[in-house]
Amino acid sequence: MYNVRPNLLLGFHGCDLEVAEKLINSPNRILKSEKPFDWLGHGMYFWENNITRAFQWAKDKEKRGEINKAAVVGAVLTLDNCLDLLDSGSIGLLETYFELFKFELELAGKKLPENLDASHDQFKDKLKRELDCAVIEYLHKKMDQEISLNIEELGYSEIRPFDSVRGFFTEGGPAFPGSAIQQKNHTQICIRNANCIKGFFKPRSEKTFPQQKSHQS
């Protein structure tokens, strides 16, 4: 029961300007990533409380010609039932399902996927997380199967599917010489249940209210 994260938080999604505008104007048209190397499995991705990193990521994609114009859209989120990989229980669960996944592949004569380096990454941070993605998706699939079996046999299931996945990542090289702090450290959120997204917004710059002139009689 302690997997539930009920509080509201802010996430930022780096993307093309056209995509950002569509999400703000048509918030029910939510984009889901299903790439084989997604860091936290399939879903919609956000940088937790980190607009700077979201925009930096989008700018990097713009420089590589993968999007036209870098932008960021903000979102109000709940994580609900969360596979939180900053939590020891969730990490232990993932370890268990990795062993099951590995065993199934061995029986089928298949190899485990691997986390791979991206060609553009000079720091070799294994940005293509094919192994991690496969294990997380395997976990979700097996849990869904168990839920369906419980409902078929008992009429209900005490297992809840995960609504979101959260993880902390280090990347980007040292923040300063000799440091263990990395330049692109961040907390990332993958939303699997679209109802965790309460709304999108256009981020604004920090401003104070304009000074009003006093009216003398």
N, C-alpha and C. Protein backbone atom coordinates (compact mmCIF):
# COMPACT_ATOMS: atom_id res chain seq x y z
N MET A 1 0.82 -1.21 0.00
CA MET A 1 0.00 0.00 0.00
C MET A 1 0.85 1.26 0.00
N TYR A 2 2.13 1.12 0.33
CA TYR A 2 3.00 2.29 0.37
C TYR A 2 3.57 2.65 -1.00
N ASN A 3 3.15 1.93 -2.05
CA ASN A 3 3.53 2.32 -3.41
C ASN A 3 2.72 3.50 -3.91
N VAL A 4 1.62 3.82 -3.23
CA VAL A 4 0.73 4.89 -3.70
C VAL A 4 1.36 6.24 -3.41
N ARG A 5 1.44 7.08 -4.44
CA ARG A 5 1.96 8.44 -4.34
C ARG A 5 0.84 9.40 -4.70
N PRO A 6 0.04 9.86 -3.70
CA PRO A 6 -1.18 10.62 -4.01
C PRO A 6 -0.97 12.11 -4.27
N ASN A 7 0.19 12.65 -3.93
CA ASN A 7 0.38 14.10 -4.01
C ASN A 7 0.54 14.60 -5.45
N LEU A 8 0.15 15.84 -5.67
CA LEU A 8 0.37 16.48 -6.96
C LEU A 8 1.83 16.87 -7.11
N LEU A 9 2.35 16.76 -8.30
CA LEU A 9 3.70 17.25 -8.59
C LEU A 9 3.73 17.78 -10.02
N LEU A 10 4.79 18.51 -10.33
CA LEU A 10 4.96 19.08 -11.66
C LEU A 10 5.96 18.26 -12.47
N GLY A 11 5.61 18.01 -13.71
CA GLY A 11 6.53 17.35 -14.64
C GLY A 11 6.66 18.21 -15.89
N PHE A 12 7.78 18.05 -16.58
CA PHE A 12 8.02 18.83 -17.80
C PHE A 12 8.42 17.86 -18.92
N HIS A 13 7.77 18.04 -20.07
CA HIS A 13 7.94 17.17 -21.22
C HIS A 13 8.63 17.94 -22.34
N GLY A 14 9.87 17.56 -22.67
CA GLY A 14 10.58 18.18 -23.77
C GLY A 14 10.11 17.61 -25.10
N CYS A 15 9.87 18.46 -26.07
CA CYS A 15 9.30 17.99 -27.33
C CYS A 15 9.43 19.08 -28.39
N ASP A 16 8.88 18.82 -29.56
CA ASP A 16 8.78 19.81 -30.63
C ASP A 16 7.69 20.82 -30.27
N LEU A 17 7.86 22.07 -30.69
CA LEU A 17 6.90 23.12 -30.39
C LEU A 17 5.49 22.75 -30.84
N GLU A 18 5.38 22.13 -32.01
CA GLU A 18 4.06 21.73 -32.52
C GLU A 18 3.39 20.74 -31.58
N VAL A 19 4.18 19.80 -31.06
CA VAL A 19 3.64 18.81 -30.12
C VAL A 19 3.18 19.49 -28.83
N ALA A 20 3.99 20.42 -28.32
CA ALA A 20 3.64 21.14 -27.09
C ALA A 20 2.31 21.88 -27.25
N GLU A 21 2.15 22.55 -28.38
CA GLU A 21 0.92 23.31 -28.62
C GLU A 21 -0.29 22.39 -28.73
N LYS A 22 -0.12 21.23 -29.35
CA LYS A 22 -1.22 20.28 -29.47
C LYS A 22 -1.64 19.75 -28.10
N LEU A 23 -0.66 19.48 -27.23
CA LEU A 23 -0.98 18.96 -25.90
C LEU A 23 -1.74 20.00 -25.08
N ILE A 24 -1.37 21.27 -25.21
CA ILE A 24 -2.05 22.32 -24.46
C ILE A 24 -3.46 22.54 -25.01
N ASN A 25 -3.60 22.54 -26.33
CA ASN A 25 -4.90 22.82 -26.95
C ASN A 25 -5.81 21.60 -27.01
N SER A 26 -5.22 20.39 -27.08
CA SER A 26 -6.01 19.15 -27.13
C SER A 26 -5.44 18.17 -26.11
N PRO A 27 -5.68 18.42 -24.81
CA PRO A 27 -5.00 17.66 -23.76
C PRO A 27 -5.36 16.19 -23.68
N ASN A 28 -6.38 15.75 -24.36
CA ASN A 28 -6.73 14.32 -24.35
C ASN A 28 -5.97 13.53 -25.41
N ARG A 29 -5.25 14.23 -26.28
CA ARG A 29 -4.44 13.55 -27.30
C ARG A 29 -3.04 13.33 -26.75
N ILE A 30 -2.93 12.40 -25.81
CA ILE A 30 -1.68 12.18 -25.09
C ILE A 30 -0.77 11.22 -25.86
N LEU A 31 0.50 11.57 -25.92
CA LEU A 31 1.47 10.77 -26.65
C LEU A 31 2.11 9.73 -25.75
N LYS A 32 2.17 8.50 -26.21
CA LYS A 32 2.78 7.42 -25.46
C LYS A 32 4.00 6.90 -26.22
N SER A 33 5.13 6.85 -25.54
CA SER A 33 6.34 6.32 -26.17
C SER A 33 6.40 4.81 -25.98
N GLU A 34 6.69 4.10 -27.06
CA GLU A 34 6.81 2.64 -27.00
C GLU A 34 8.10 2.18 -27.68
N LYS A 35 9.16 2.95 -27.48
CA LYS A 35 10.46 2.58 -28.05
C LYS A 35 11.08 1.44 -27.24
N PRO A 36 11.85 0.57 -27.89
CA PRO A 36 12.43 -0.57 -27.17
C PRO A 36 13.51 -0.18 -26.17
N PHE A 37 13.97 1.07 -26.22
CA PHE A 37 15.04 1.51 -25.32
C PHE A 37 14.57 2.55 -24.31
N ASP A 38 13.24 2.72 -24.15
CA ASP A 38 12.72 3.66 -23.16
C ASP A 38 13.24 3.31 -21.77
N TRP A 39 13.73 4.29 -21.05
CA TRP A 39 14.44 4.05 -19.79
C TRP A 39 13.56 3.40 -18.72
N LEU A 40 12.28 3.76 -18.69
CA LEU A 40 11.38 3.26 -17.65
C LEU A 40 10.20 2.50 -18.23
N GLY A 41 10.38 1.94 -19.41
CA GLY A 41 9.28 1.24 -20.06
C GLY A 41 8.43 2.20 -20.88
N HIS A 42 7.26 1.73 -21.29
CA HIS A 42 6.43 2.49 -22.21
C HIS A 42 5.46 3.42 -21.47
N GLY A 43 5.27 4.59 -22.03
CA GLY A 43 4.37 5.57 -21.43
C GLY A 43 4.72 6.96 -21.88
N MET A 44 4.19 7.97 -21.21
CA MET A 44 4.54 9.36 -21.50
C MET A 44 5.56 9.82 -20.47
N TYR A 45 6.62 10.48 -20.93
CA TYR A 45 7.76 10.82 -20.08
C TYR A 45 7.78 12.28 -19.66
N PHE A 46 8.20 12.46 -18.41
CA PHE A 46 8.34 13.80 -17.84
C PHE A 46 9.61 13.86 -17.00
N TRP A 47 10.22 15.05 -16.98
CA TRP A 47 11.30 15.34 -16.05
C TRP A 47 10.65 15.93 -14.80
N GLU A 48 10.90 15.33 -13.65
CA GLU A 48 10.25 15.78 -12.42
C GLU A 48 10.83 17.11 -11.96
N ASN A 49 9.98 18.15 -11.94
CA ASN A 49 10.37 19.49 -11.46
C ASN A 49 11.67 19.98 -12.08
N ASN A 50 11.87 19.73 -13.37
CA ASN A 50 13.16 20.05 -13.99
C ASN A 50 12.94 20.56 -15.41
N ILE A 51 12.45 21.80 -15.50
CA ILE A 51 12.18 22.38 -16.82
C ILE A 51 13.47 22.60 -17.61
N THR A 52 14.57 22.90 -16.91
CA THR A 52 15.84 23.15 -17.58
C THR A 52 16.33 21.91 -18.31
N ARG A 53 16.26 20.76 -17.64
CA ARG A 53 16.72 19.51 -18.26
C ARG A 53 15.79 19.10 -19.41
N ALA A 54 14.49 19.34 -19.25
CA ALA A 54 13.54 19.03 -20.32
C ALA A 54 13.85 19.82 -21.58
N PHE A 55 14.13 21.12 -21.41
CA PHE A 55 14.43 21.95 -22.57
C PHE A 55 15.79 21.59 -23.18
N GLN A 56 16.76 21.29 -22.32
CA GLN A 56 18.09 20.88 -22.80
C GLN A 56 17.98 19.62 -23.66
N TRP A 57 17.17 18.66 -23.21
CA TRP A 57 16.97 17.41 -23.95
C TRP A 57 16.34 17.70 -25.32
N ALA A 58 15.35 18.59 -25.32
CA ALA A 58 14.69 18.94 -26.58
C ALA A 58 15.64 19.69 -27.51
N LYS A 59 16.48 20.58 -26.95
CA LYS A 59 17.45 21.30 -27.77
C LYS A 59 18.46 20.35 -28.40
N ASP A 60 18.88 19.34 -27.64
CA ASP A 60 19.81 18.35 -28.19
C ASP A 60 19.19 17.62 -29.38
N LYS A 61 17.89 17.29 -29.27
CA LYS A 61 17.20 16.64 -30.38
C LYS A 61 17.06 17.58 -31.58
N GLU A 62 16.85 18.85 -31.30
CA GLU A 62 16.77 19.84 -32.38
C GLU A 62 18.10 19.93 -33.12
N LYS A 63 19.20 19.95 -32.37
CA LYS A 63 20.53 20.04 -32.99
C LYS A 63 20.83 18.83 -33.87
N ARG A 64 20.30 17.66 -33.48
CA ARG A 64 20.52 16.44 -34.28
C ARG A 64 19.52 16.31 -35.42
N GLY A 65 18.63 17.29 -35.56
CA GLY A 65 17.65 17.27 -36.64
C GLY A 65 16.49 16.33 -36.41
N GLU A 66 16.27 15.92 -35.16
CA GLU A 66 15.19 14.97 -34.86
C GLU A 66 13.86 15.67 -34.60
N ILE A 67 13.90 16.96 -34.25
CA ILE A 67 12.68 17.77 -34.14
C ILE A 67 12.97 19.13 -34.77
N ASN A 68 11.92 19.89 -35.06
CA ASN A 68 12.09 21.17 -35.73
C ASN A 68 12.42 22.31 -34.77
N LYS A 69 11.65 22.44 -33.70
CA LYS A 69 11.81 23.55 -32.77
C LYS A 69 11.62 23.06 -31.35
N ALA A 70 12.65 23.18 -30.53
CA ALA A 70 12.59 22.69 -29.16
C ALA A 70 11.60 23.48 -28.31
N ALA A 71 10.85 22.76 -27.48
CA ALA A 71 9.88 23.39 -26.59
C ALA A 71 9.68 22.50 -25.37
N VAL A 72 8.99 23.04 -24.38
CA VAL A 72 8.66 22.29 -23.18
C VAL A 72 7.19 22.55 -22.84
N VAL A 73 6.49 21.49 -22.48
CA VAL A 73 5.13 21.64 -21.96
C VAL A 73 5.13 21.13 -20.52
N GLY A 74 4.46 21.86 -19.63
CA GLY A 74 4.36 21.44 -18.23
C GLY A 74 3.12 20.60 -18.01
N ALA A 75 3.13 19.81 -16.94
CA ALA A 75 1.97 18.98 -16.61
C ALA A 75 1.83 18.86 -15.09
N VAL A 76 0.59 18.81 -14.64
CA VAL A 76 0.29 18.51 -13.24
C VAL A 76 -0.01 17.03 -13.17
N LEU A 77 0.71 16.32 -12.30
CA LEU A 77 0.66 14.85 -12.27
C LEU A 77 0.37 14.32 -10.87
N THR A 78 -0.23 13.13 -10.84
CA THR A 78 -0.14 12.26 -9.66
C THR A 78 0.53 10.97 -10.14
N LEU A 79 1.22 10.30 -9.26
CA LEU A 79 1.88 9.04 -9.63
C LEU A 79 1.02 7.84 -9.27
N ASP A 80 0.08 8.01 -8.34
CA ASP A 80 -0.82 6.94 -7.89
C ASP A 80 -0.02 5.69 -7.51
N ASN A 81 -0.38 4.51 -8.04
CA ASN A 81 0.37 3.30 -7.69
C ASN A 81 1.66 3.28 -8.52
N CYS A 82 2.79 3.56 -7.86
CA CYS A 82 4.02 3.85 -8.57
C CYS A 82 5.09 2.79 -8.35
N LEU A 83 5.68 2.32 -9.44
CA LEU A 83 6.89 1.50 -9.37
C LEU A 83 8.04 2.49 -9.23
N ASP A 84 8.35 2.82 -7.99
CA ASP A 84 9.31 3.88 -7.70
C ASP A 84 10.68 3.28 -7.48
N LEU A 85 11.57 3.49 -8.44
CA LEU A 85 12.89 2.87 -8.39
C LEU A 85 13.87 3.66 -7.53
N LEU A 86 13.35 4.58 -6.72
CA LEU A 86 14.10 5.15 -5.61
C LEU A 86 13.70 4.47 -4.30
N ASP A 87 12.84 3.46 -4.40
CA ASP A 87 12.32 2.73 -3.24
C ASP A 87 12.85 1.30 -3.27
N SER A 88 13.36 0.82 -2.14
CA SER A 88 13.98 -0.50 -2.10
C SER A 88 13.02 -1.62 -2.45
N GLY A 89 11.76 -1.49 -2.05
CA GLY A 89 10.78 -2.53 -2.37
C GLY A 89 10.56 -2.68 -3.86
N SER A 90 10.47 -1.55 -4.57
CA SER A 90 10.28 -1.59 -6.02
C SER A 90 11.50 -2.16 -6.73
N ILE A 91 12.69 -1.80 -6.24
CA ILE A 91 13.91 -2.34 -6.85
C ILE A 91 13.97 -3.85 -6.65
N GLY A 92 13.60 -4.32 -5.46
CA GLY A 92 13.58 -5.76 -5.20
C GLY A 92 12.60 -6.49 -6.09
N LEU A 93 11.44 -5.87 -6.33
CA LEU A 93 10.44 -6.45 -7.23
C LEU A 93 11.00 -6.57 -8.63
N LEU A 94 11.70 -5.54 -9.08
CA LEU A 94 12.28 -5.56 -10.42
C LEU A 94 13.35 -6.65 -10.53
N GLU A 95 14.13 -6.84 -9.48
CA GLU A 95 15.16 -7.89 -9.47
C GLU A 95 14.52 -9.27 -9.62
N THR A 96 13.40 -9.47 -8.93
CA THR A 96 12.69 -10.76 -9.01
C THR A 96 12.21 -11.04 -10.43
N TYR A 97 11.60 -10.03 -11.05
CA TYR A 97 11.08 -10.22 -12.41
C TYR A 97 12.19 -10.34 -13.43
N PHE A 98 13.34 -9.74 -13.16
CA PHE A 98 14.49 -9.93 -14.05
C PHE A 98 14.88 -11.41 -14.10
N GLU A 99 14.94 -12.04 -12.94
CA GLU A 99 15.32 -13.45 -12.91
C GLU A 99 14.32 -14.32 -13.67
N LEU A 100 13.03 -14.01 -13.53
CA LEU A 100 12.00 -14.75 -14.27
C LEU A 100 12.14 -14.52 -15.77
N PHE A 101 12.39 -13.28 -16.15
CA PHE A 101 12.56 -12.92 -17.56
C PHE A 101 13.77 -13.64 -18.15
N LYS A 102 14.86 -13.62 -17.43
CA LYS A 102 16.09 -14.29 -17.86
C LYS A 102 15.85 -15.79 -18.03
N PHE A 103 15.14 -16.40 -17.09
CA PHE A 103 14.85 -17.83 -17.14
C PHE A 103 14.00 -18.17 -18.37
N GLU A 104 12.98 -17.37 -18.65
CA GLU A 104 12.12 -17.61 -19.81
C GLU A 104 12.90 -17.51 -21.12
N LEU A 105 13.76 -16.52 -21.20
CA LEU A 105 14.56 -16.36 -22.41
C LEU A 105 15.52 -17.53 -22.61
N GLU A 106 16.12 -17.99 -21.52
CA GLU A 106 17.04 -19.14 -21.60
C GLU A 106 16.31 -20.38 -22.08
N LEU A 107 15.09 -20.60 -21.58
CA LEU A 107 14.29 -21.75 -22.03
C LEU A 107 13.98 -21.66 -23.52
N ALA A 108 13.78 -20.44 -24.00
CA ALA A 108 13.46 -20.22 -25.41
C ALA A 108 14.70 -20.12 -26.29
N GLY A 109 15.88 -20.21 -25.68
CA GLY A 109 17.13 -20.10 -26.44
C GLY A 109 17.41 -18.71 -26.95
N LYS A 110 16.92 -17.70 -26.22
CA LYS A 110 17.11 -16.31 -26.64
C LYS A 110 18.07 -15.59 -25.70
N LYS A 111 18.68 -14.53 -26.20
CA LYS A 111 19.61 -13.73 -25.40
C LYS A 111 18.90 -12.57 -24.73
N LEU A 112 19.44 -12.17 -23.60
CA LEU A 112 18.93 -10.97 -22.93
C LEU A 112 19.25 -9.73 -23.78
N PRO A 113 18.34 -8.77 -23.84
CA PRO A 113 18.68 -7.48 -24.45
C PRO A 113 19.80 -6.82 -23.64
N GLU A 114 20.43 -5.81 -24.22
CA GLU A 114 21.49 -5.09 -23.52
C GLU A 114 21.22 -3.60 -23.52
N ASN A 115 21.70 -2.93 -22.49
CA ASN A 115 21.74 -1.47 -22.51
C ASN A 115 22.93 -1.05 -23.36
N LEU A 116 22.69 -0.13 -24.30
CA LEU A 116 23.71 0.22 -25.29
C LEU A 116 24.03 1.71 -25.26
N ASP A 117 25.22 2.04 -25.72
CA ASP A 117 25.61 3.44 -25.85
C ASP A 117 24.99 4.04 -27.10
N ALA A 118 24.62 5.31 -27.02
CA ALA A 118 24.16 6.06 -28.19
C ALA A 118 25.37 6.66 -28.89
N SER A 119 25.33 6.71 -30.20
CA SER A 119 26.48 7.18 -30.98
C SER A 119 26.85 8.62 -30.67
N HIS A 120 25.87 9.44 -30.26
CA HIS A 120 26.13 10.85 -30.01
C HIS A 120 26.58 11.14 -28.58
N ASP A 121 26.64 10.11 -27.73
CA ASP A 121 26.95 10.31 -26.31
C ASP A 121 28.42 10.08 -26.02
N GLN A 122 29.16 11.15 -25.79
CA GLN A 122 30.60 11.03 -25.54
C GLN A 122 30.91 10.41 -24.18
N PHE A 123 29.95 10.41 -23.26
CA PHE A 123 30.21 9.91 -21.90
C PHE A 123 29.87 8.43 -21.73
N LYS A 124 29.32 7.80 -22.77
CA LYS A 124 29.02 6.36 -22.74
C LYS A 124 28.14 5.99 -21.54
N ASP A 125 27.01 6.67 -21.43
CA ASP A 125 26.10 6.46 -20.30
C ASP A 125 25.02 5.42 -20.57
N LYS A 126 25.21 4.61 -21.63
CA LYS A 126 24.22 3.57 -21.95
C LYS A 126 22.82 4.19 -22.09
N LEU A 127 22.69 5.13 -22.99
CA LEU A 127 21.43 5.86 -23.13
C LEU A 127 20.32 5.02 -23.75
N LYS A 128 20.68 3.96 -24.45
CA LYS A 128 19.66 3.08 -25.04
C LYS A 128 19.43 1.92 -24.08
N ARG A 129 18.42 2.04 -23.24
CA ARG A 129 18.20 1.10 -22.13
C ARG A 129 17.29 -0.06 -22.54
N GLU A 130 17.75 -0.86 -23.47
CA GLU A 130 16.91 -1.94 -23.99
C GLU A 130 16.66 -3.04 -22.95
N LEU A 131 17.67 -3.34 -22.14
CA LEU A 131 17.49 -4.35 -21.09
C LEU A 131 16.52 -3.84 -20.04
N ASP A 132 16.75 -2.63 -19.54
CA ASP A 132 15.88 -2.08 -18.49
C ASP A 132 14.44 -2.00 -18.98
N CYS A 133 14.25 -1.52 -20.19
CA CYS A 133 12.90 -1.40 -20.75
C CYS A 133 12.23 -2.77 -20.84
N ALA A 134 12.96 -3.76 -21.33
CA ALA A 134 12.39 -5.09 -21.50
C ALA A 134 11.98 -5.71 -20.17
N VAL A 135 12.79 -5.53 -19.14
CA VAL A 135 12.48 -6.10 -17.82
C VAL A 135 11.26 -5.41 -17.21
N ILE A 136 11.21 -4.08 -17.31
CA ILE A 136 10.07 -3.34 -16.77
C ILE A 136 8.79 -3.72 -17.49
N GLU A 137 8.83 -3.83 -18.82
CA GLU A 137 7.64 -4.22 -19.57
C GLU A 137 7.23 -5.66 -19.27
N TYR A 138 8.21 -6.51 -19.04
CA TYR A 138 7.93 -7.91 -18.65
C TYR A 138 7.19 -7.93 -17.31
N LEU A 139 7.65 -7.14 -16.37
CA LEU A 139 7.00 -7.04 -15.06
C LEU A 139 5.54 -6.64 -15.22
N HIS A 140 5.28 -5.59 -16.01
CA HIS A 140 3.90 -5.13 -16.21
C HIS A 140 3.05 -6.22 -16.87
N LYS A 141 3.62 -6.89 -17.86
CA LYS A 141 2.87 -7.93 -18.57
C LYS A 141 2.49 -9.08 -17.63
N LYS A 142 3.45 -9.53 -16.84
CA LYS A 142 3.19 -10.64 -15.93
C LYS A 142 2.19 -10.26 -14.85
N MET A 143 2.26 -9.02 -14.37
CA MET A 143 1.29 -8.58 -13.37
C MET A 143 -0.11 -8.51 -13.97
N ASP A 144 -0.23 -8.01 -15.21
CA ASP A 144 -1.53 -7.96 -15.88
C ASP A 144 -2.10 -9.37 -16.06
N GLN A 145 -1.24 -10.33 -16.40
CA GLN A 145 -1.69 -11.72 -16.56
C GLN A 145 -2.19 -12.28 -15.24
N GLU A 146 -1.48 -11.96 -14.16
CA GLU A 146 -1.88 -12.47 -12.84
C GLU A 146 -3.19 -11.84 -12.39
N ILE A 147 -3.37 -10.56 -12.68
CA ILE A 147 -4.62 -9.89 -12.35
C ILE A 147 -5.79 -10.53 -13.09
N SER A 148 -5.60 -10.77 -14.40
CA SER A 148 -6.65 -11.40 -15.21
C SER A 148 -6.99 -12.79 -14.69
N LEU A 149 -5.97 -13.57 -14.30
CA LEU A 149 -6.18 -14.91 -13.77
C LEU A 149 -6.94 -14.87 -12.45
N ASN A 150 -6.59 -13.92 -11.59
CA ASN A 150 -7.29 -13.78 -10.31
C ASN A 150 -8.77 -13.46 -10.52
N ILE A 151 -9.04 -12.54 -11.44
CA ILE A 151 -10.42 -12.15 -11.70
C ILE A 151 -11.21 -13.32 -12.27
N GLU A 152 -10.56 -14.08 -13.15
CA GLU A 152 -11.22 -15.25 -13.75
C GLU A 152 -11.54 -16.31 -12.70
N GLU A 153 -10.61 -16.52 -11.77
CA GLU A 153 -10.78 -17.59 -10.78
C GLU A 153 -11.55 -17.14 -9.54
N LEU A 154 -11.34 -15.90 -9.11
CA LEU A 154 -11.91 -15.43 -7.85
C LEU A 154 -12.96 -14.35 -8.01
N GLY A 155 -12.97 -13.72 -9.18
CA GLY A 155 -13.88 -12.61 -9.39
C GLY A 155 -13.29 -11.26 -9.02
N TYR A 156 -12.10 -11.27 -8.47
CA TYR A 156 -11.42 -10.01 -8.10
C TYR A 156 -9.93 -10.28 -8.02
N SER A 157 -9.15 -9.20 -7.89
CA SER A 157 -7.71 -9.32 -7.69
C SER A 157 -7.25 -8.26 -6.71
N GLU A 158 -6.39 -8.65 -5.79
CA GLU A 158 -5.82 -7.70 -4.84
C GLU A 158 -4.57 -7.01 -5.41
N ILE A 159 -4.15 -7.46 -6.59
CA ILE A 159 -2.99 -6.84 -7.24
C ILE A 159 -3.45 -5.62 -8.03
N ARG A 160 -2.72 -4.54 -7.91
CA ARG A 160 -3.02 -3.34 -8.68
C ARG A 160 -1.94 -3.12 -9.72
N PRO A 161 -2.32 -2.84 -10.97
CA PRO A 161 -1.30 -2.51 -11.96
C PRO A 161 -0.64 -1.18 -11.61
N PHE A 162 0.58 -1.00 -12.04
CA PHE A 162 1.28 0.25 -11.78
C PHE A 162 0.80 1.34 -12.74
N ASP A 163 0.52 2.51 -12.16
CA ASP A 163 0.08 3.66 -12.95
C ASP A 163 1.26 4.46 -13.49
N SER A 164 2.41 4.34 -12.84
CA SER A 164 3.57 5.14 -13.21
C SER A 164 4.85 4.43 -12.79
N VAL A 165 5.95 4.88 -13.36
CA VAL A 165 7.29 4.40 -12.98
C VAL A 165 8.16 5.64 -12.77
N ARG A 166 8.99 5.59 -11.74
CA ARG A 166 9.84 6.76 -11.42
C ARG A 166 11.26 6.27 -11.16
N GLY A 167 12.24 7.01 -11.68
CA GLY A 167 13.62 6.61 -11.47
C GLY A 167 14.55 7.81 -11.45
N PHE A 168 15.68 7.66 -10.75
CA PHE A 168 16.71 8.69 -10.72
C PHE A 168 17.87 8.24 -11.58
N PHE A 169 18.39 9.15 -12.41
CA PHE A 169 19.44 8.79 -13.35
C PHE A 169 20.60 9.78 -13.28
N THR A 170 21.81 9.23 -13.43
CA THR A 170 23.01 10.05 -13.49
C THR A 170 23.59 9.93 -14.90
N GLU A 171 23.95 11.06 -15.47
CA GLU A 171 24.53 11.06 -16.82
C GLU A 171 25.16 12.41 -17.10
N GLY A 172 25.94 12.48 -18.15
CA GLY A 172 26.41 13.75 -18.67
C GLY A 172 27.80 14.18 -18.26
N GLY A 173 28.55 13.33 -17.55
CA GLY A 173 29.90 13.71 -17.16
C GLY A 173 29.91 14.54 -15.89
N PRO A 174 31.07 14.64 -15.21
CA PRO A 174 31.16 15.33 -13.93
C PRO A 174 30.74 16.79 -14.01
N ALA A 175 30.06 17.26 -12.97
CA ALA A 175 29.65 18.65 -12.90
C ALA A 175 30.86 19.58 -12.77
N PHE A 176 31.93 19.08 -12.17
CA PHE A 176 33.20 19.79 -12.06
C PHE A 176 34.29 18.75 -11.88
N PRO A 177 35.55 19.07 -12.14
CA PRO A 177 36.63 18.07 -12.11
C PRO A 177 36.68 17.31 -10.79
N GLY A 178 36.68 15.97 -10.87
CA GLY A 178 36.76 15.13 -9.70
C GLY A 178 35.44 14.85 -9.02
N SER A 179 34.35 15.47 -9.51
CA SER A 179 33.05 15.32 -8.85
C SER A 179 32.36 14.02 -9.24
N ALA A 180 31.60 13.45 -8.29
CA ALA A 180 30.74 12.31 -8.58
C ALA A 180 29.34 12.78 -8.99
N ILE A 181 29.09 14.05 -8.91
CA ILE A 181 27.82 14.63 -9.35
C ILE A 181 27.88 14.84 -10.86
N GLN A 182 26.88 14.33 -11.56
CA GLN A 182 26.87 14.41 -13.01
C GLN A 182 26.05 15.62 -13.49
N GLN A 183 26.45 16.16 -14.63
CA GLN A 183 25.82 17.38 -15.16
C GLN A 183 24.34 17.21 -15.47
N LYS A 184 23.93 16.01 -15.87
CA LYS A 184 22.55 15.81 -16.31
C LYS A 184 21.75 14.92 -15.36
N ASN A 185 22.14 14.89 -14.08
CA ASN A 185 21.36 14.14 -13.10
C ASN A 185 19.90 14.59 -13.12
N HIS A 186 18.99 13.65 -13.00
CA HIS A 186 17.58 14.02 -13.03
C HIS A 186 16.71 12.88 -12.50
N THR A 187 15.51 13.24 -12.13
CA THR A 187 14.47 12.26 -11.80
C THR A 187 13.48 12.23 -12.95
N GLN A 188 13.22 11.04 -13.44
CA GLN A 188 12.35 10.88 -14.61
C GLN A 188 11.09 10.12 -14.22
N ILE A 189 10.00 10.47 -14.85
CA ILE A 189 8.71 9.84 -14.58
C ILE A 189 8.14 9.32 -15.88
N CYS A 190 7.67 8.09 -15.85
CA CYS A 190 6.95 7.49 -16.98
C CYS A 190 5.51 7.26 -16.54
N ILE A 191 4.58 7.95 -17.16
CA ILE A 191 3.16 7.79 -16.84
C ILE A 191 2.56 6.72 -17.74
N ARG A 192 2.03 5.67 -17.13
CA ARG A 192 1.39 4.58 -17.86
C ARG A 192 -0.12 4.75 -17.91
N ASN A 193 -0.69 5.27 -16.85
CA ASN A 193 -2.13 5.52 -16.78
C ASN A 193 -2.36 6.99 -17.09
N ALA A 194 -2.95 7.27 -18.23
CA ALA A 194 -3.11 8.66 -18.69
C ALA A 194 -3.91 9.51 -17.71
N ASN A 195 -4.73 8.88 -16.85
CA ASN A 195 -5.53 9.64 -15.89
C ASN A 195 -4.69 10.23 -14.77
N CYS A 196 -3.42 9.87 -14.70
CA CYS A 196 -2.50 10.51 -13.75
C CYS A 196 -2.11 11.92 -14.21
N ILE A 197 -2.36 12.22 -15.47
CA ILE A 197 -2.06 13.55 -16.00
C ILE A 197 -3.30 14.41 -15.83
N LYS A 198 -3.22 15.36 -14.90
CA LYS A 198 -4.40 16.17 -14.58
C LYS A 198 -4.58 17.35 -15.53
N GLY A 199 -3.51 17.74 -16.19
CA GLY A 199 -3.62 18.83 -17.15
C GLY A 199 -2.26 19.29 -17.62
N PHE A 200 -2.23 19.94 -18.78
CA PHE A 200 -1.01 20.50 -19.34
C PHE A 200 -1.05 22.02 -19.22
N PHE A 201 0.14 22.64 -19.21
CA PHE A 201 0.19 24.09 -19.19
C PHE A 201 1.43 24.59 -19.91
N LYS A 202 1.35 25.84 -20.35
CA LYS A 202 2.50 26.49 -20.97
C LYS A 202 3.34 27.12 -19.87
N PRO A 203 4.58 26.68 -19.68
CA PRO A 203 5.41 27.26 -18.61
C PRO A 203 5.64 28.75 -18.84
N ARG A 204 5.70 29.49 -17.73
CA ARG A 204 5.95 30.92 -17.80
C ARG A 204 7.26 31.24 -17.11
N SER A 205 7.87 32.35 -17.48
CA SER A 205 9.09 32.81 -16.83
C SER A 205 8.74 33.45 -15.49
N GLU A 206 9.70 33.40 -14.56
CA GLU A 206 9.46 33.99 -13.25
C GLU A 206 9.43 35.51 -13.37
N LYS A 207 8.31 36.08 -12.97
CA LYS A 207 8.13 37.53 -13.04
C LYS A 207 7.43 38.00 -11.77
N THR A 208 7.65 39.26 -11.41
CA THR A 208 6.90 39.86 -10.33
C THR A 208 5.75 40.67 -10.93
N PHE A 209 4.79 41.00 -10.09
CA PHE A 209 3.70 41.85 -10.57
C PHE A 209 4.26 43.21 -10.95
N PRO A 210 3.78 43.81 -12.02
CA PRO A 210 4.26 45.16 -12.38
C PRO A 210 3.92 46.15 -11.28
N GLN A 211 4.83 47.08 -11.06
CA GLN A 211 4.63 48.08 -10.02
C GLN A 211 3.52 49.05 -10.45
N GLN A 212 2.57 49.20 -9.60
CA GLN A 212 1.47 50.12 -9.91
C GLN A 212 1.80 51.52 -9.44
N LYS A 213 1.47 52.46 -10.26
CA LYS A 213 1.70 53.85 -9.89
C LYS A 213 0.65 54.30 -8.86
N SER A 214 1.10 55.00 -7.85
CA SER A 214 0.17 55.49 -6.85
C SER A 214 -0.57 56.71 -7.42
N HIS A 215 -1.87 56.76 -7.17
CA HIS A 215 -2.69 57.87 -7.67
C HIS A 215 -2.86 58.90 -6.57
N GLN A 216 -2.40 60.08 -6.83
CA GLN A 216 -2.56 61.14 -5.84
C GLN A 216 -3.82 61.96 -6.14
N SER A 217 -4.54 62.29 -5.09
CA SER A 217 -5.76 63.06 -5.28
C SER A 217 -5.44 64.53 -5.46
